[in-house]
Amino acid sequence: MRIKNLKLARQFTLFLSVVFVLSIAFCGTILSDALQKKARDEVATQSLLLMQTMNAVRTYTSQEINPLLAPQLETETVFIPETVPAYSARQVFENLRDSPEYKNFFYKEAVVNPTNLRDLPDGFEQETIAKFRQNPELKETWGYRQLFGEQVFYKARPIQITEASCLRCHGDPKTAPKSLLATYGNQTGFGWNLNETIGIQTVYVPSEAVFSLSRQYWAGVMGTFIVTFAIAIVLINILLKRHVIHPLQPMARVAEKIGTEQLDDTLERDRDLKQLATLSRQQDELGHLARIFQQMAHGVYLRERQLGQQLQQLQQLQRQSQESPVNSTSSSRDRTDPSYLNALLNKAKQLRGDRPQ
C-alpha cells in the first residue's frame, strides 16, 4: 500500500513514528556515549585519587617514619616493615578495603625481583613492566582487564630507583640490614640498580558496577523518552482528528453534494451545512475555509433554484403556446423552441462548472 493512499491521520501517525524512531536512535546513541564517557571518567578519577593517596603515604613513610626507625634495623632481630614506603602504602590500602564500598579495590606494587614474594607480578603486570622498560618516556598507562572474574579499570605507573638510599636494602646483600636478611634471606630483592624500572605501581578499580549503573540510567532515560514520545503521538493524533480531520469531513461532503447536484429544498436542514455554520464562527484557517464553503453552497443553491424557476416558466409558456397556437408571437416561439431550452440548460451546467472548488 502506497503511503499517499493512506488516510491523513495514518500518514501523520506514520510520519511521527518515523521521526520518533530516528530521534530515539540518535538520542540513545548520544546519551549512551555520554554516559559511557562519564563512567570512564568516574573510574579514572577514583583510580587517580587512590594513586595520589598512596603516593602521599609513601612520601610520609620515607620522610618521617624511616628516619626514626632506620637505626633499629641493625639492632632488631626482626625486620621492621613499617620503614618501607611500599609496605606502608599496601597496609593503608588494605585497611581501606575493610570498608564494604572499597572491598573490590586493589593496590599493588608489582616488582620483578621483590623482597616479599606477594609483590611478584602476574603475566599482565609483567607485560606492563616490559612496556615501561621499552619506553622510558612513558609515565602512565591505563585500561581494562579481567581480575578475579570481573572487569576492572587499572592505572599503572613505573617504579624506578631514583634514590641511592634504596640500594642499601636492595643493592648488595652484604650491605643490607641484618634484620632484613634475618627475615627475608639474601636470595630475593637484591641486585637493583639506580634509575632502573624494577616494577609498577598499580591501582585496580572495579568498573562493572559503574558501567552497569550507567546502563541503568540509560535505560531509565530512554524509557522516559519512549513513553513521552508515545504520549505525544497519541495526543497529536487526537488533536489532529478533533481540530483538522473532523472539521474537514463536512466540507468534503458538502463539496460532494455540490458536485453531484444533491442540494435541494432541505438546504436549511442539511446536517453538514449546520456543521459548517458552527465551524464558520471560528477565527482560524478552518473557520475561514468553512465560511467559503458555506457561501459557495448557498450561491450554488440559489442559482439552481433560479434556473429551476426559469425552466418552470418556460415549460408553462410552452404549454400555453401549444394550447393557443394562433395567438403565439414570434418571441414566445423563440422561447419555446427546443434549441433555446437546450442552450439554457447548457448555460446552467456551465454555471455549475464555473463555481469555486
Foldseek 3Di string as FASTA:
>chain_A
DDLVPDDPLVNLLVVLVVVLVVVLVVVLVVLLVVLVVVLVVVQVVVFVVLVVVLVVQLVCLQPPVLVVCVVCLQVDQAHDCSSHSQVRSQVVLVVVCVDVVNVPKHKAWAFCFALDVVNHDDPVFVVVLVVCQVPVVDAKDWDWDDDPRAIWIKIKGFDFAADPVLLQCAEQPVNHHNNSCSHRNRPTRHNHDHGDGGGMIMIIGGSPVSVVVSVVVSVVVSVVSVVVSVVVSVVVSVCCCVPPVVLVVLLVVLVVCLVVVVDDPCVVVDPSLVSLVVLCVDPDPSVVVSVLSNVLSVVLHVLVVVLVVVVVVLVVLLVVCVVPVPPDDPVNCVSNPVVNVVVSVVVNVVVSVPGDD
